[in-house]
Amino acid sequence: MRFRNALAPLGAAAVLGASLPARATDVQDFPDTGTEPLGRSGAWVARASSPLATLQNPAGLAGQQTGVLANVHLVLNKVCFQRQGDGERIRVGQNGLRYPEVCNENKGTPSVLPAVAGVLAASERFGVGVSVAPPNVYGALRFPETVRIRNDQGAKPELPSPQRYMLLEQDGIALNTTVSAGFEAAKGFRVGLGFVWGFASYTLANANMSLSPSPVNGVYQDPVTEDVRAELSVADWFIPGATFGMLYSPTRNLDLGVNVFMQAAFDAHGDLALKANYWTNNGTADDPDVTDSSKVEKGLGHFRMANPLEARLGARFHQPRHSRATPGGVRDPLADDLFDLELDVSYSKNSDYDRGQLRFPASPAVPVKGTANGAVVPENNDIDFRVKRDSVGVRLGGDWVVVPARVAVRAGGFWEPNVQNDEYANVSFLASQRVGLSVGGTYRLAMVDLEAGYMHVFFSEIDNGDRGKLLVVSGDANASPPFRSPYGINSGRFRQSVNVFSVGATARF
């Protein structure tokens, strides 16, 4: 019998990377945390004039007024997938049924990314900041478990969905708490340093093959009834990191900014819930009585994923008014400038996204109930990402002060290159070329700045035809390679687009 003693329940690990702490130009997120930076498409490292400088350039804390900030992003993420080549049909009837394109179910439901920050001006030259903010990722994803597919008789049976081996659902929470200080070491030259305490907790689900199918007329079709649903719960409560910044103003019109951000790998242990024979009820998952469940004891699943180092360099040209409205060294662009324009270059060591490491004990092996011949979870469940290389992106944005110390409008755009290895494309995140456009504005009411912003992110389409190489683990020891699907489960076309709405308020005292 081909089914031996191992079963892959954890292709869900492939989606962990889509929610780990990250910052643009990381391939997993957009620029940037905060309503004002978002409206400038992240071109902000040389401006750094709000409490969010705590995270994004702590040098900017020096020269700020004491204040607090609260912002929230609402992220609408749409991801679609059309299967092609091997696996474009599901094994129903003589010739199988062709999958339709499928998109995430929650594309109209926003992911909420709140951020709060505060700065204390100890003096005109020294400021201390605290921020609590999530990574600016594209948010939770939930795909349908089943889709309706028309057969030759015109009926539309509900059958397992085409992306299920990559992802069914990802959700969770991730936050970075940052404490920073900024100091003006010499006139016009500021430095800053911060410590980051990150944590993340996720729930992820996908389907896996218990048996690898044989080809039909030389072409593989997805199985219907032999799948196992896997759900992974994993958390890392201490992900240390650091943020370093410099801000230099060589002339009254020019600011130069630098920020370097680094953070330790996400390294977590977690629990695994399994449901064997998940779609055996006539091709649907409606009847819970047809499944057996088992749960891995706490701490047996070990996942590790790198956080790429990131750096940004920015140059900001601004035209000050003839007379400053703010005293001393206080920096207030809304009151003191006519306009500004900033160009940032960002770097991310995205080549660190080579693979996600996921391991389970080899001895004693973890059993999977409800499968033949005492199946167990294999030791190695690693998932390939194969991001091609490090990346360098460009951001351009600026403000125009319509009414001094009262109203400003802003706009921006960013570009990030294609570093996607098409053969390993995944619905959890696309590393294809991204272009973003954004607008926003600020209205000052007494001591409070009310802010709003909007961004649209365009992704270049990825179509790898029938060349997908992402293999889900199966329970087949005789498959080639052993215990992996005999064909790529990610062959096809990937599309994505994102809308981000943001509102916030900053109060200064």
Protein backbone atom coordinates (compact mmCIF):
# COMPACT_ATOMS: atom_id res chain seq x y z
CA MET A 1 0.00 0.00 0.00
CA ARG A 2 1.47 3.36 -0.98
CA PHE A 3 0.41 5.11 2.23
CA ARG A 4 3.14 4.52 4.78
CA ASN A 5 3.80 6.16 8.13
CA ALA A 6 3.99 9.90 7.58
CA LEU A 7 1.51 12.66 6.86
CA ALA A 8 2.18 16.34 6.15
CA PRO A 9 -0.20 18.51 8.07
CA LEU A 10 1.62 21.79 7.99
CA GLY A 11 1.78 23.47 4.65
CA ALA A 12 0.09 26.21 6.67
CA ALA A 13 3.58 27.18 7.74
CA ALA A 14 4.01 28.75 4.32
CA VAL A 15 1.74 31.60 5.34
CA LEU A 16 3.51 32.52 8.57
CA GLY A 17 5.79 34.84 6.67
CA ALA A 18 2.81 36.93 5.59
CA SER A 19 2.17 38.16 9.11
CA LEU A 20 5.54 38.39 10.81
CA PRO A 21 6.85 41.75 12.05
CA ALA A 22 8.00 43.63 8.95
CA ARG A 23 8.41 47.09 7.42
CA ALA A 24 8.58 48.27 3.81
CA THR A 25 10.44 47.77 1.58
CA ASP A 26 10.01 44.28 2.99
CA VAL A 27 8.06 42.25 0.42
CA GLN A 28 5.31 41.56 2.93
CA ASP A 29 4.10 45.08 3.66
CA PHE A 30 3.29 48.58 2.42
CA PRO A 31 4.76 51.99 3.43
CA ASP A 32 4.12 52.92 6.15
CA THR A 33 2.94 52.92 9.78
CA GLY A 34 1.02 56.10 10.60
CA THR A 35 -1.49 58.29 8.76
CA GLU A 36 0.90 61.09 7.80
CA PRO A 37 3.66 58.75 6.47
CA LEU A 38 1.06 56.73 4.55
CA GLY A 39 -0.19 59.87 2.75
CA ARG A 40 3.40 60.49 1.61
CA SER A 41 3.87 56.84 0.52
CA GLY A 42 6.41 56.38 3.30
CA ALA A 43 8.72 59.21 2.20
CA TRP A 44 9.14 60.35 5.77
CA VAL A 45 12.52 59.34 7.21
CA ALA A 46 13.96 62.85 6.76
CA ARG A 47 10.77 64.54 8.05
CA ALA A 48 10.19 62.36 11.17
CA SER A 49 8.13 65.08 12.84
CA SER A 50 5.53 63.08 14.83
CA PRO A 51 5.77 60.67 17.79
CA LEU A 52 6.03 57.77 15.29
CA ALA A 53 9.65 58.85 14.83
CA THR A 54 10.11 56.59 17.88
CA LEU A 55 10.05 53.63 15.48
CA GLN A 56 10.82 55.11 12.07
CA ASN A 57 13.69 57.51 12.85
CA PRO A 58 14.31 58.17 16.55
CA ALA A 59 16.63 61.06 15.73
CA GLY A 60 13.44 62.99 14.92
CA LEU A 61 12.40 62.89 18.59
CA ALA A 62 14.87 65.70 19.29
CA GLY A 63 13.12 69.00 18.58
CA GLN A 64 9.56 67.73 18.90
CA GLN A 65 7.00 69.13 21.31
CA THR A 66 5.62 66.79 23.95
CA GLY A 67 2.67 65.00 22.39
CA VAL A 68 0.66 61.83 21.83
CA LEU A 69 -0.62 60.17 18.64
CA ALA A 70 -3.28 57.61 17.74
CA ASN A 71 -3.63 56.32 14.16
CA VAL A 72 -5.45 53.42 12.54
CA HIS A 73 -5.10 51.82 9.11
CA LEU A 74 -8.00 49.91 7.52
CA VAL A 75 -6.53 47.51 4.97
CA LEU A 76 -8.62 45.91 2.21
CA ASN A 77 -6.61 43.16 0.55
CA LYS A 78 -7.78 41.19 -2.50
CA VAL A 79 -5.84 38.09 -3.62
CA CYS A 80 -6.99 35.82 -6.47
CA PHE A 81 -5.64 32.54 -7.86
CA GLN A 82 -6.40 30.56 -11.03
CA ARG A 83 -4.98 27.00 -11.12
CA GLN A 84 -3.23 25.85 -14.30
CA GLY A 85 -1.33 22.80 -15.50
CA ASP A 86 -1.10 19.89 -13.04
CA GLY A 87 -3.83 20.36 -10.47
CA GLU A 88 -6.01 22.68 -12.56
CA ARG A 89 -8.71 20.00 -12.37
CA ILE A 90 -10.13 18.19 -9.38
CA ARG A 91 -10.58 14.42 -9.68
CA VAL A 92 -14.37 14.13 -10.15
CA GLY A 93 -15.78 12.04 -13.02
CA GLN A 94 -13.79 10.67 -15.95
CA ASN A 95 -12.07 13.91 -16.96
CA GLY A 96 -12.22 15.85 -13.71
CA LEU A 97 -13.68 19.33 -13.26
CA ARG A 98 -11.76 22.53 -13.95
CA TYR A 99 -11.38 24.89 -11.03
CA PRO A 100 -12.67 28.48 -11.30
CA GLU A 101 -10.58 31.44 -10.19
CA VAL A 102 -10.89 31.93 -6.44
CA CYS A 103 -10.39 35.07 -4.33
CA ASN A 104 -10.22 35.56 -0.58
CA GLU A 105 -13.61 35.77 1.13
CA ASN A 106 -12.63 38.69 3.38
CA LYS A 107 -11.59 41.05 0.55
CA GLY A 108 -14.36 43.46 1.60
CA THR A 109 -13.61 43.25 5.33
CA PRO A 110 -10.80 45.52 6.52
CA SER A 111 -7.90 44.39 8.66
CA VAL A 112 -7.45 46.94 11.44
CA LEU A 113 -3.89 48.13 12.18
CA PRO A 114 -3.87 50.63 15.09
CA ALA A 115 -0.82 52.54 16.32
CA VAL A 116 -0.24 54.74 19.36
CA ALA A 117 2.85 56.75 20.26
CA GLY A 118 4.01 59.51 22.55
CA VAL A 119 7.02 61.79 22.92
CA LEU A 120 8.32 63.68 25.96
CA ALA A 121 10.45 66.74 25.21
CA ALA A 122 12.93 66.68 28.07
CA SER A 123 14.60 69.75 26.53
CA GLU A 124 14.86 71.49 23.16
CA ARG A 125 17.66 69.07 22.24
CA PHE A 126 16.51 65.80 23.83
CA GLY A 127 13.32 63.78 23.41
CA VAL A 128 12.12 60.35 24.55
CA GLY A 129 9.44 58.38 22.74
CA VAL A 130 7.31 55.26 23.18
CA SER A 131 5.24 53.59 20.46
CA VAL A 132 3.09 50.48 20.15
CA ALA A 133 2.32 49.54 16.56
CA PRO A 134 1.75 46.46 14.43
CA PRO A 135 3.78 45.77 11.30
CA ASN A 136 2.13 47.42 8.31
CA VAL A 137 1.33 44.09 6.62
CA TYR A 138 -1.51 43.46 4.18
CA GLY A 139 -3.57 41.76 6.86
CA ALA A 140 -5.59 38.63 7.51
CA LEU A 141 -6.65 36.31 4.68
CA ARG A 142 -9.55 33.89 4.62
CA PHE A 143 -10.21 31.76 1.53
CA PRO A 144 -13.28 29.60 0.91
CA GLU A 145 -12.91 25.95 1.88
CA THR A 146 -15.16 24.89 -0.99
CA VAL A 147 -16.22 26.29 -4.38
CA ARG A 148 -19.08 25.43 -6.73
CA ILE A 149 -17.95 23.91 -10.05
CA ARG A 150 -20.31 23.26 -12.98
CA ASN A 151 -20.22 19.68 -14.32
CA ASP A 152 -21.32 18.29 -17.72
CA GLN A 153 -24.91 17.94 -16.51
CA GLY A 154 -25.12 21.60 -15.48
CA ALA A 155 -25.06 20.86 -11.78
CA LYS A 156 -22.74 22.82 -9.49
CA PRO A 157 -21.44 20.54 -6.75
CA GLU A 158 -19.53 22.17 -3.92
CA LEU A 159 -15.97 20.85 -3.98
CA PRO A 160 -12.66 21.60 -2.20
CA SER A 161 -11.16 24.95 -3.24
CA PRO A 162 -8.13 25.17 -5.56
CA GLN A 163 -5.81 27.16 -3.22
CA ARG A 164 -6.45 24.96 -0.16
CA TYR A 165 -2.96 23.40 -0.15
CA MET A 166 -1.41 26.86 0.09
CA LEU A 167 -3.84 28.55 2.45
CA LEU A 168 -7.31 28.41 3.95
CA GLU A 169 -6.93 31.06 6.63
CA GLN A 170 -4.35 33.24 8.40
CA ASP A 171 -5.10 35.57 11.25
CA GLY A 172 -3.51 36.80 14.43
CA ILE A 173 -1.84 39.74 16.09
CA ALA A 174 1.67 41.20 16.00
CA LEU A 175 2.91 44.28 17.84
CA ASN A 176 6.22 46.09 18.27
CA THR A 177 6.66 48.12 21.45
CA THR A 178 9.51 50.59 20.98
CA VAL A 179 11.28 52.88 23.46
CA SER A 180 13.63 55.42 21.86
CA ALA A 181 15.56 58.58 22.55
CA GLY A 182 16.75 61.33 20.21
CA PHE A 183 19.45 63.93 20.89
CA GLU A 184 20.68 66.98 18.98
CA ALA A 185 24.42 66.42 19.32
CA ALA A 186 25.32 69.58 17.37
CA LYS A 187 23.31 72.32 15.74
CA GLY A 188 21.31 70.69 12.95
CA PHE A 189 22.67 67.17 13.65
CA ARG A 190 20.49 64.69 15.55
CA VAL A 191 20.94 61.02 16.42
CA GLY A 192 18.53 58.50 17.92
CA LEU A 193 18.40 54.92 19.13
CA GLY A 194 15.54 52.66 20.18
CA PHE A 195 14.90 49.20 21.61
CA VAL A 196 12.08 47.12 20.12
CA TRP A 197 10.15 44.39 21.95
CA GLY A 198 8.04 42.53 19.42
CA PHE A 199 5.57 39.71 19.89
CA ALA A 200 3.30 37.81 17.55
CA SER A 201 0.59 35.16 17.83
CA TYR A 202 -1.04 33.51 14.80
CA THR A 203 -3.59 30.93 13.77
CA LEU A 204 -3.07 29.43 10.31
CA ALA A 205 -4.88 26.73 8.37
CA ASN A 206 -4.50 24.79 5.12
CA ALA A 207 -5.15 21.35 3.60
CA ASN A 208 -2.63 18.57 3.00
CA MET A 209 -2.64 15.31 1.02
CA SER A 210 -2.79 12.02 2.87
CA LEU A 211 -2.17 10.13 -0.41
CA SER A 212 -0.38 11.43 -3.49
CA PRO A 213 -2.59 11.01 -6.58
CA SER A 214 -1.52 9.15 -9.73
CA PRO A 215 -1.60 11.00 -13.07
CA VAL A 216 -4.61 10.69 -15.38
CA ASN A 217 -3.46 10.57 -19.04
CA GLY A 218 -0.15 12.00 -17.89
CA VAL A 219 -1.72 14.91 -15.98
CA TYR A 220 -2.20 15.13 -12.23
CA GLN A 221 -5.57 16.06 -10.75
CA ASP A 222 -6.18 17.16 -7.18
CA PRO A 223 -7.76 14.49 -4.94
CA VAL A 224 -11.21 15.05 -3.45
CA THR A 225 -11.54 13.00 -0.29
CA GLU A 226 -8.06 12.17 1.05
CA ASP A 227 -7.15 15.59 2.45
CA VAL A 228 -6.28 16.50 6.03
CA ARG A 229 -7.12 19.95 7.38
CA ALA A 230 -4.33 21.40 9.52
CA GLU A 231 -4.57 24.36 11.88
CA LEU A 232 -1.45 25.74 13.53
CA SER A 233 -1.43 28.06 16.56
CA VAL A 234 1.97 29.57 17.24
CA ALA A 235 3.35 32.48 19.27
CA ASP A 236 6.64 34.21 20.05
CA TRP A 237 6.37 36.60 22.99
CA PHE A 238 9.84 38.16 22.74
CA ILE A 239 11.27 39.26 19.39
CA PRO A 240 13.98 41.81 20.27
CA GLY A 241 15.07 44.47 17.83
CA ALA A 242 16.65 47.89 17.47
CA THR A 243 16.09 51.04 15.44
CA PHE A 244 18.79 53.63 14.77
CA GLY A 245 18.41 57.02 13.12
CA MET A 246 20.23 60.18 12.08
CA LEU A 247 18.87 63.51 10.94
CA TYR A 248 21.12 66.23 9.52
CA SER A 249 20.12 69.68 8.29
CA PRO A 250 23.11 71.15 6.42
CA THR A 251 21.05 74.14 5.21
CA ARG A 252 17.72 75.73 6.12
CA ASN A 253 16.18 74.04 3.05
CA LEU A 254 17.58 70.53 3.27
CA ASP A 255 17.15 67.62 5.71
CA LEU A 256 18.93 64.28 5.33
CA GLY A 257 17.64 61.24 7.21
CA VAL A 258 18.85 57.70 7.83
CA ASN A 259 17.11 54.81 9.58
CA VAL A 260 18.29 51.22 10.13
CA PHE A 261 15.90 48.66 11.58
CA MET A 262 16.82 45.13 12.63
CA GLN A 263 14.94 42.45 14.53
CA ALA A 264 15.59 38.87 15.60
CA ALA A 265 13.91 35.97 13.84
CA PHE A 266 10.40 34.86 14.71
CA ASP A 267 11.16 31.65 16.64
CA ALA A 268 8.15 29.93 18.13
CA HIS A 269 6.65 26.69 19.37
CA GLY A 270 2.98 25.95 18.88
CA ASP A 271 0.02 23.59 18.76
CA LEU A 272 -1.41 21.72 15.80
CA ALA A 273 -5.02 20.58 15.29
CA LEU A 274 -5.70 18.00 12.55
CA LYS A 275 -8.87 16.73 10.85
CA ALA A 276 -8.39 13.69 8.63
CA ASN A 277 -10.71 12.79 5.72
CA TYR A 278 -11.97 16.34 5.79
CA TRP A 279 -13.94 16.30 2.53
CA THR A 280 -15.26 12.72 2.56
CA ASN A 281 -18.92 13.70 2.91
CA ASN A 282 -19.65 13.60 -0.84
CA GLY A 283 -16.95 16.13 -1.51
CA THR A 284 -17.86 18.67 1.17
CA ALA A 285 -16.79 19.48 4.72
CA ASP A 286 -20.34 19.92 6.06
CA ASP A 287 -20.49 16.84 8.30
CA PRO A 288 -18.16 16.97 11.32
CA ASP A 289 -18.90 13.30 12.09
CA VAL A 290 -16.72 12.14 9.18
CA THR A 291 -13.53 13.60 10.66
CA ASP A 292 -11.29 12.58 13.52
CA SER A 293 -9.12 15.10 15.30
CA SER A 294 -5.80 15.05 17.09
CA LYS A 295 -3.82 17.86 18.65
CA VAL A 296 -0.09 18.12 19.02
CA GLU A 297 0.97 18.73 22.61
CA LYS A 298 2.05 22.27 23.38
CA GLY A 299 5.54 23.13 22.23
CA LEU A 300 6.13 20.22 19.82
CA GLY A 301 5.82 22.27 16.63
CA HIS A 302 8.87 24.54 16.12
CA PHE A 303 8.78 27.32 13.50
CA ARG A 304 11.54 29.80 12.66
CA MET A 305 11.48 32.64 10.12
CA ALA A 306 13.97 35.47 9.56
CA ASN A 307 13.17 39.18 9.85
CA PRO A 308 15.17 40.99 7.14
CA LEU A 309 17.39 43.93 8.02
CA GLU A 310 16.09 47.19 6.54
CA ALA A 311 17.63 50.59 5.92
CA ARG A 312 16.33 53.89 4.53
CA LEU A 313 18.06 57.03 3.31
CA GLY A 314 16.05 60.18 2.62
CA ALA A 315 16.59 63.71 1.37
CA ARG A 316 13.90 66.33 2.08
CA PHE A 317 13.77 69.74 0.44
CA HIS A 318 11.49 72.22 2.24
CA GLN A 319 10.79 75.89 1.77
CA PRO A 320 10.53 77.66 5.14
CA ARG A 321 8.38 80.72 5.65
CA HIS A 322 10.11 84.05 6.08
CA SER A 323 9.53 84.00 9.82
CA ARG A 324 9.32 80.91 12.05
CA ALA A 325 6.10 80.40 13.95
CA THR A 326 7.61 77.98 16.48
CA PRO A 327 10.30 78.96 18.99
CA GLY A 328 13.83 77.62 19.45
CA GLY A 329 14.64 74.23 17.97
CA VAL A 330 11.04 72.97 17.77
CA ARG A 331 10.26 71.38 14.38
CA ASP A 332 6.71 72.02 13.14
CA PRO A 333 6.44 71.76 9.31
CA LEU A 334 2.75 72.70 9.31
CA ALA A 335 3.52 76.06 10.89
CA ASP A 336 7.00 76.78 9.52
CA ASP A 337 7.06 75.51 5.92
CA LEU A 338 5.39 76.46 2.66
CA PHE A 339 5.89 72.97 1.24
CA ASP A 340 8.29 70.05 1.29
CA LEU A 341 9.28 67.21 -1.05
CA GLU A 342 11.15 64.09 0.06
CA LEU A 343 12.85 61.29 -1.85
CA ASP A 344 13.71 58.09 0.03
CA VAL A 345 15.65 55.03 -1.05
CA SER A 346 14.88 51.88 0.95
CA TYR A 347 16.76 48.60 1.20
CA SER A 348 15.59 45.25 2.56
CA LYS A 349 17.55 42.01 2.87
CA ASN A 350 14.64 40.06 1.36
CA SER A 351 16.91 37.18 0.38
CA ASP A 352 16.50 36.08 4.02
CA TYR A 353 13.06 34.85 2.92
CA ASP A 354 14.51 31.63 1.54
CA ARG A 355 12.41 29.20 3.53
CA GLY A 356 10.35 28.82 6.67
CA GLN A 357 11.69 26.15 8.99
CA LEU A 358 9.01 23.97 10.60
CA ARG A 359 9.94 20.84 12.54
CA PHE A 360 8.23 18.20 14.66
CA PRO A 361 9.73 15.47 16.84
CA ALA A 362 10.97 12.42 14.94
CA SER A 363 10.91 10.17 18.01
CA PRO A 364 8.42 9.61 19.43
CA ALA A 365 6.49 10.58 16.32
CA VAL A 366 3.23 12.51 16.62
CA PRO A 367 0.27 10.33 15.50
CA VAL A 368 -2.52 11.54 13.20
CA LYS A 369 -5.86 9.99 14.13
CA GLY A 370 -8.32 8.91 11.49
CA THR A 371 -5.75 7.80 8.89
CA ALA A 372 -4.76 4.30 7.78
CA ASN A 373 -1.78 2.40 9.16
CA GLY A 374 -1.00 4.76 12.03
CA ALA A 375 0.12 7.87 10.13
CA VAL A 376 2.41 10.32 11.91
CA VAL A 377 3.53 13.88 11.41
CA PRO A 378 6.91 13.95 9.60
CA GLU A 379 9.84 15.70 11.21
CA ASN A 380 10.59 18.08 8.33
CA ASN A 381 7.76 20.38 7.21
CA ASP A 382 9.96 23.19 5.83
CA ILE A 383 8.38 25.47 3.23
CA ASP A 384 10.22 27.15 0.36
CA PHE A 385 9.73 30.86 -0.32
CA ARG A 386 12.80 31.37 -2.54
CA VAL A 387 12.57 35.19 -2.73
CA LYS A 388 15.15 35.93 -5.43
CA ARG A 389 17.25 38.69 -3.95
CA ASP A 390 17.54 41.74 -1.72
CA SER A 391 15.57 44.72 -2.94
CA VAL A 392 15.92 48.48 -3.23
CA GLY A 393 12.79 50.62 -3.47
CA VAL A 394 12.02 54.30 -4.07
CA ARG A 395 9.50 56.58 -2.35
CA LEU A 396 8.57 60.14 -3.26
CA GLY A 397 6.16 62.29 -1.30
CA GLY A 398 5.51 65.72 0.08
CA ASP A 399 3.20 68.25 1.77
CA TRP A 400 1.80 71.57 0.63
CA VAL A 401 0.64 73.89 3.42
CA VAL A 402 -2.60 75.42 2.18
CA VAL A 403 -3.30 77.47 5.32
CA PRO A 404 -0.31 78.13 7.61
CA ALA A 405 -0.51 76.26 10.92
CA ARG A 406 -3.96 75.02 9.90
CA VAL A 407 -4.31 72.91 6.73
CA ALA A 408 -1.92 70.79 4.66
CA VAL A 409 -2.48 68.35 1.83
CA ARG A 410 -0.05 65.63 0.76
CA ALA A 411 0.56 63.00 -1.88
CA GLY A 412 3.14 60.41 -2.76
CA GLY A 413 4.09 57.32 -4.67
CA PHE A 414 6.40 54.35 -4.22
CA TRP A 415 7.96 51.63 -6.36
CA GLU A 416 9.35 48.29 -5.21
CA PRO A 417 10.93 45.82 -7.65
CA ASN A 418 9.90 42.32 -8.58
CA VAL A 419 11.85 39.83 -6.45
CA GLN A 420 9.30 37.03 -6.81
CA ASN A 421 10.53 33.62 -7.89
CA ASP A 422 7.48 32.78 -10.02
CA GLU A 423 7.84 29.04 -9.49
CA TYR A 424 7.33 29.51 -5.73
CA ALA A 425 4.54 32.11 -5.83
CA ASN A 426 2.06 31.78 -2.98
CA VAL A 427 -1.31 33.38 -2.19
CA SER A 428 -0.03 34.28 1.29
CA PHE A 429 2.14 37.06 -0.14
CA LEU A 430 3.42 38.13 -3.57
CA ALA A 431 6.89 39.60 -3.99
CA SER A 432 6.10 40.90 -7.48
CA GLN A 433 6.62 44.51 -8.58
CA ARG A 434 4.54 46.90 -6.49
CA VAL A 435 3.53 50.49 -7.25
CA GLY A 436 1.61 52.60 -4.76
CA LEU A 437 -0.12 55.98 -4.95
CA SER A 438 -1.35 57.89 -1.92
CA VAL A 439 -3.02 61.12 -0.83
CA GLY A 440 -3.79 62.66 2.54
CA GLY A 441 -4.15 65.79 4.61
CA THR A 442 -3.99 67.41 8.04
CA TYR A 443 -6.34 69.86 9.72
CA ARG A 444 -5.13 71.53 12.93
CA LEU A 445 -7.79 72.29 15.49
CA ALA A 446 -6.22 74.14 18.42
CA MET A 447 -3.58 71.72 19.79
CA VAL A 448 -4.81 68.66 17.86
CA ASP A 449 -3.89 67.65 14.30
CA LEU A 450 -6.61 65.59 12.60
CA GLU A 451 -5.20 63.43 9.79
CA ALA A 452 -6.54 61.27 6.97
CA GLY A 453 -4.88 59.28 4.22
CA TYR A 454 -5.51 56.78 1.44
CA MET A 455 -3.24 54.47 -0.55
CA HIS A 456 -3.78 52.05 -3.44
CA VAL A 457 -1.15 49.39 -4.13
CA PHE A 458 -0.86 47.81 -7.58
CA PHE A 459 0.84 44.41 -7.92
CA SER A 460 2.17 43.08 -11.19
CA GLU A 461 0.44 39.82 -12.06
CA ILE A 462 2.35 36.56 -11.63
CA ASP A 463 1.60 33.73 -14.07
CA ASN A 464 3.90 30.73 -13.83
CA GLY A 465 1.77 28.59 -16.20
CA ASP A 466 2.33 24.98 -15.18
CA ARG A 467 5.75 25.62 -13.62
CA GLY A 468 4.77 25.77 -9.94
CA LYS A 469 7.28 24.06 -7.65
CA LEU A 470 5.69 24.56 -4.24
CA LEU A 471 5.10 21.04 -2.91
CA VAL A 472 2.70 20.27 -0.10
CA VAL A 473 3.63 17.36 2.17
CA SER A 474 1.70 14.16 1.60
CA GLY A 475 1.52 10.84 3.41
CA ASP A 476 3.03 8.92 0.51
CA ALA A 477 6.48 7.46 1.15
CA ASN A 478 6.75 6.32 -2.48
CA ALA A 479 6.07 9.73 -3.96
CA SER A 480 8.92 11.59 -5.63
CA PRO A 481 10.15 13.25 -3.50
CA PRO A 482 8.99 11.10 -0.56
CA PHE A 483 6.21 12.55 1.57
CA ARG A 484 5.65 15.47 -0.79
CA SER A 485 3.09 16.02 -3.52
CA PRO A 486 4.36 14.79 -6.92
CA TYR A 487 3.48 18.13 -8.57
CA GLY A 488 3.52 21.81 -7.69
CA ILE A 489 0.27 22.91 -6.04
CA ASN A 490 0.86 26.58 -6.95
CA SER A 491 0.87 26.45 -10.76
CA GLY A 492 -1.22 29.24 -12.21
CA ARG A 493 -1.98 32.96 -12.15
CA PHE A 494 -1.84 35.23 -9.08
CA ARG A 495 -3.43 38.68 -8.79
CA GLN A 496 -3.45 41.10 -5.86
CA SER A 497 -4.53 44.67 -5.11
CA VAL A 498 -4.73 46.58 -1.83
CA ASN A 499 -6.56 49.68 -0.58
CA VAL A 500 -5.55 51.32 2.70
CA PHE A 501 -7.64 53.96 4.47
CA SER A 502 -6.17 55.74 7.48
CA VAL A 503 -7.29 58.26 10.09
CA GLY A 504 -5.50 59.65 13.11
CA ALA A 505 -4.97 62.46 15.54
CA THR A 506 -1.88 63.98 17.16
CA ALA A 507 -2.09 66.25 20.21
CA ARG A 508 0.81 68.47 21.28
CA PHE A 509 1.23 70.23 24.59
